[in-house]
């Protein structure tokens, strides 16, 4: 697997989020209490930019709300809030991949 340097982790302080591009895809990175996670930046409903949405602690974790129609995504898992079922796992896949890569980075370099 080839690694692509996306950003210096110091530029993502706790409580912040930013958008990076990896292989032409927009990825939204979060730093929640020192834990890095990522989901796709585009809402699965109508394509709103999640990076323009509000991040809040609610339900069972931290969620970003799409500014267009209010769809919510868990910033760590990419999943919908409790009680909702999604048939589109792309958000969850991004989150798991980024968490794995960041964990490997920490093991190797920190």
C-alpha atoms as a PDB file:
ATOM      1  CA  UNK A   1       0.000   0.000   0.000  1.00  0.00           C
ATOM      2  CA  UNK A   2       1.347   3.423  -0.946  1.00  0.00           C
ATOM      3  CA  UNK A   3       1.118   6.130   1.681  1.00  0.00           C
ATOM      4  CA  UNK A   4       0.224   9.681   0.723  1.00  0.00           C
ATOM      5  CA  UNK A   5       1.170  12.486   3.085  1.00  0.00           C
ATOM      6  CA  UNK A   6      -2.028  14.448   3.513  1.00  0.00           C
ATOM      7  CA  UNK A   7      -1.225  16.987   6.216  1.00  0.00           C
ATOM      8  CA  UNK A   8       0.908  17.630   9.263  1.00  0.00           C
ATOM      9  CA  UNK A   9      -1.080  16.333  12.231  1.00  0.00           C
ATOM     10  CA  UNK A  10      -0.115  19.484  14.159  1.00  0.00           C
ATOM     11  CA  UNK A  11      -2.315  21.487  11.785  1.00  0.00           C
ATOM     12  CA  UNK A  12      -5.383  19.617  13.088  1.00  0.00           C
ATOM     13  CA  UNK A  13      -5.697  20.605  16.759  1.00  0.00           C
ATOM     14  CA  UNK A  14      -8.296  19.001  19.058  1.00  0.00           C
ATOM     15  CA  UNK A  15     -11.807  20.212  18.310  1.00  0.00           C
ATOM     16  CA  UNK A  16     -11.081  21.013  14.671  1.00  0.00           C
ATOM     17  CA  UNK A  17     -11.774  19.507  11.281  1.00  0.00           C
ATOM     18  CA  UNK A  18     -10.401  20.014   7.785  1.00  0.00           C
ATOM     19  CA  UNK A  19     -10.825  18.728   4.254  1.00  0.00           C
ATOM     20  CA  UNK A  20      -8.036  16.960   2.381  1.00  0.00           C
ATOM     21  CA  UNK A  21      -7.956  15.370  -1.052  1.00  0.00           C
ATOM     22  CA  UNK A  22      -6.791  11.801  -1.515  1.00  0.00           C
ATOM     23  CA  UNK A  23      -6.775  10.375  -5.034  1.00  0.00           C
ATOM     24  CA  UNK A  24      -9.277  13.007  -6.126  1.00  0.00           C
ATOM     25  CA  UNK A  25     -11.708  12.281  -3.270  1.00  0.00           C
ATOM     26  CA  UNK A  26     -12.549  14.850  -0.599  1.00  0.00           C
ATOM     27  CA  UNK A  27     -12.021  13.445   2.885  1.00  0.00           C
ATOM     28  CA  UNK A  28     -13.145  15.261   6.032  1.00  0.00           C
ATOM     29  CA  UNK A  29     -10.722  14.768   8.931  1.00  0.00           C
ATOM     30  CA  UNK A  30     -11.729  15.388  12.544  1.00  0.00           C
ATOM     31  CA  UNK A  31      -9.714  15.694  15.734  1.00  0.00           C
ATOM     32  CA  UNK A  32     -12.072  14.949  18.605  1.00  0.00           C
ATOM     33  CA  UNK A  33     -10.264  14.998  21.946  1.00  0.00           C
ATOM     34  CA  UNK A  34      -6.991  13.986  20.268  1.00  0.00           C
ATOM     35  CA  UNK A  35      -8.502  11.090  18.294  1.00  0.00           C
ATOM     36  CA  UNK A  36      -8.323  11.429  14.510  1.00  0.00           C
ATOM     37  CA  UNK A  37     -11.152  10.120  12.325  1.00  0.00           C
ATOM     38  CA  UNK A  38     -12.309  10.662   8.758  1.00  0.00           C
ATOM     39  CA  UNK A  39     -15.376  10.372   6.594  1.00  0.00           C
ATOM     40  CA  UNK A  40     -16.206  11.454   3.067  1.00  0.00           C
ATOM     41  CA  UNK A  41     -16.950  15.178   2.752  1.00  0.00           C
ATOM     42  CA  UNK A  42     -20.022  14.735   0.564  1.00  0.00           C
ATOM     43  CA  UNK A  43     -23.412  13.968   2.137  1.00  0.00           C
ATOM     44  CA  UNK A  44     -24.922  10.782   0.739  1.00  0.00           C
ATOM     45  CA  UNK A  45     -28.381  12.384   0.553  1.00  0.00           C
ATOM     46  CA  UNK A  46     -27.999  15.281  -1.901  1.00  0.00           C
ATOM     47  CA  UNK A  47     -24.263  16.045  -2.026  1.00  0.00           C
ATOM     48  CA  UNK A  48     -23.958  18.810   0.566  1.00  0.00           C
ATOM     49  CA  UNK A  49     -20.499  19.589   1.934  1.00  0.00           C
ATOM     50  CA  UNK A  50     -20.253  18.131   5.429  1.00  0.00           C
ATOM     51  CA  UNK A  51     -17.237  20.363   6.123  1.00  0.00           C
ATOM     52  CA  UNK A  52     -19.707  23.271   6.225  1.00  0.00           C
ATOM     53  CA  UNK A  53     -21.887  21.491   8.789  1.00  0.00           C
ATOM     54  CA  UNK A  54     -21.969  21.756  12.551  1.00  0.00           C
ATOM     55  CA  UNK A  55     -20.126  19.185  14.707  1.00  0.00           C
ATOM     56  CA  UNK A  56     -21.815  18.378  18.019  1.00  0.00           C
ATOM     57  CA  UNK A  57     -21.679  15.780  20.758  1.00  0.00           C
ATOM     58  CA  UNK A  58     -25.041  14.003  20.824  1.00  0.00           C
ATOM     59  CA  UNK A  59     -26.642  10.562  20.854  1.00  0.00           C
ATOM     60  CA  UNK A  60     -23.763   8.116  21.273  1.00  0.00           C
ATOM     61  CA  UNK A  61     -20.820  10.250  20.046  1.00  0.00           C
ATOM     62  CA  UNK A  62     -19.903  13.276  17.957  1.00  0.00           C
ATOM     63  CA  UNK A  63     -21.924  13.962  14.798  1.00  0.00           C
ATOM     64  CA  UNK A  64     -21.572  16.297  11.849  1.00  0.00           C
ATOM     65  CA  UNK A  65     -24.832  17.603  10.388  1.00  0.00           C
ATOM     66  CA  UNK A  66     -25.180  18.295   6.677  1.00  0.00           C
ATOM     67  CA  UNK A  67     -26.044  21.989   6.251  1.00  0.00           C
ATOM     68  CA  UNK A  68     -28.425  21.266   3.355  1.00  0.00           C
ATOM     69  CA  UNK A  69     -31.007  18.862   4.795  1.00  0.00           C
ATOM     70  CA  UNK A  70     -29.848  17.893   8.275  1.00  0.00           C
ATOM     71  CA  UNK A  71     -28.527  14.384   7.647  1.00  0.00           C
ATOM     72  CA  UNK A  72     -26.180  13.384  10.470  1.00  0.00           C
ATOM     73  CA  UNK A  73     -23.046  11.230  10.470  1.00  0.00           C
ATOM     74  CA  UNK A  74     -20.996   9.910  13.379  1.00  0.00           C
ATOM     75  CA  UNK A  75     -17.527  11.424  12.852  1.00  0.00           C
ATOM     76  CA  UNK A  76     -15.768   8.262  14.080  1.00  0.00           C
ATOM     77  CA  UNK A  77     -17.785   5.617  12.259  1.00  0.00           C
ATOM     78  CA  UNK A  78     -19.585   7.456   9.460  1.00  0.00           C
ATOM     79  CA  UNK A  79     -22.813   5.804  10.600  1.00  0.00           C
ATOM     80  CA  UNK A  80     -26.215   7.423  10.955  1.00  0.00           C
ATOM     81  CA  UNK A  81     -27.565   8.174  14.457  1.00  0.00           C
ATOM     82  CA  UNK A  82     -28.964   5.300  16.532  1.00  0.00           C
ATOM     83  CA  UNK A  83     -32.208   3.978  15.089  1.00  0.00           C
ATOM     84  CA  UNK A  84     -31.355   4.719  11.455  1.00  0.00           C
ATOM     85  CA  UNK A  85     -30.071   2.112   9.036  1.00  0.00           C
ATOM     86  CA  UNK A  86     -28.006   3.053   6.000  1.00  0.00           C
ATOM     87  CA  UNK A  87     -27.457   0.915   2.943  1.00  0.00           C
ATOM     88  CA  UNK A  88     -24.481   3.025   1.815  1.00  0.00           C
ATOM     89  CA  UNK A  89     -21.357   1.980   3.749  1.00  0.00           C
ATOM     90  CA  UNK A  90     -18.885   4.334   2.020  1.00  0.00           C
ATOM     91  CA  UNK A  91     -18.677   6.677   5.013  1.00  0.00           C
ATOM     92  CA  UNK A  92     -17.865   3.812   7.358  1.00  0.00           C
ATOM     93  CA  UNK A  93     -15.222   2.431   4.995  1.00  0.00           C
ATOM     94  CA  UNK A  94     -13.357   5.760   4.880  1.00  0.00           C
ATOM     95  CA  UNK A  95     -13.437   6.054   8.651  1.00  0.00           C
ATOM     96  CA  UNK A  96     -12.089   2.539   9.252  1.00  0.00           C
ATOM     97  CA  UNK A  97      -9.342   2.958   6.643  1.00  0.00           C
ATOM     98  CA  UNK A  98      -8.142   6.308   8.005  1.00  0.00           C
ATOM     99  CA  UNK A  99      -8.225   5.061  11.610  1.00  0.00           C
ATOM    100  CA  UNK A 100      -6.138   2.028  10.634  1.00  0.00           C
ATOM    101  CA  UNK A 101      -3.597   4.135   8.748  1.00  0.00           C
ATOM    102  CA  UNK A 102      -3.349   6.686  11.555  1.00  0.00           C
ATOM    103  CA  UNK A 103      -2.872   3.919  14.127  1.00  0.00           C
ATOM    104  CA  UNK A 104      -0.041   2.462  12.012  1.00  0.00           C
ATOM    105  CA  UNK A 105       1.491   5.953  11.691  1.00  0.00           C
ATOM    106  CA  UNK A 106       1.436   6.385  15.472  1.00  0.00           C
ATOM    107  CA  UNK A 107       3.039   2.980  15.998  1.00  0.00           C
ATOM    108  CA  UNK A 108       5.817   3.737  13.530  1.00  0.00           C
ATOM    109  CA  UNK A 109       6.560   7.420  14.074  1.00  0.00           C
ATOM    110  CA  UNK A 110       5.276   8.652  17.437  1.00  0.00           C
END
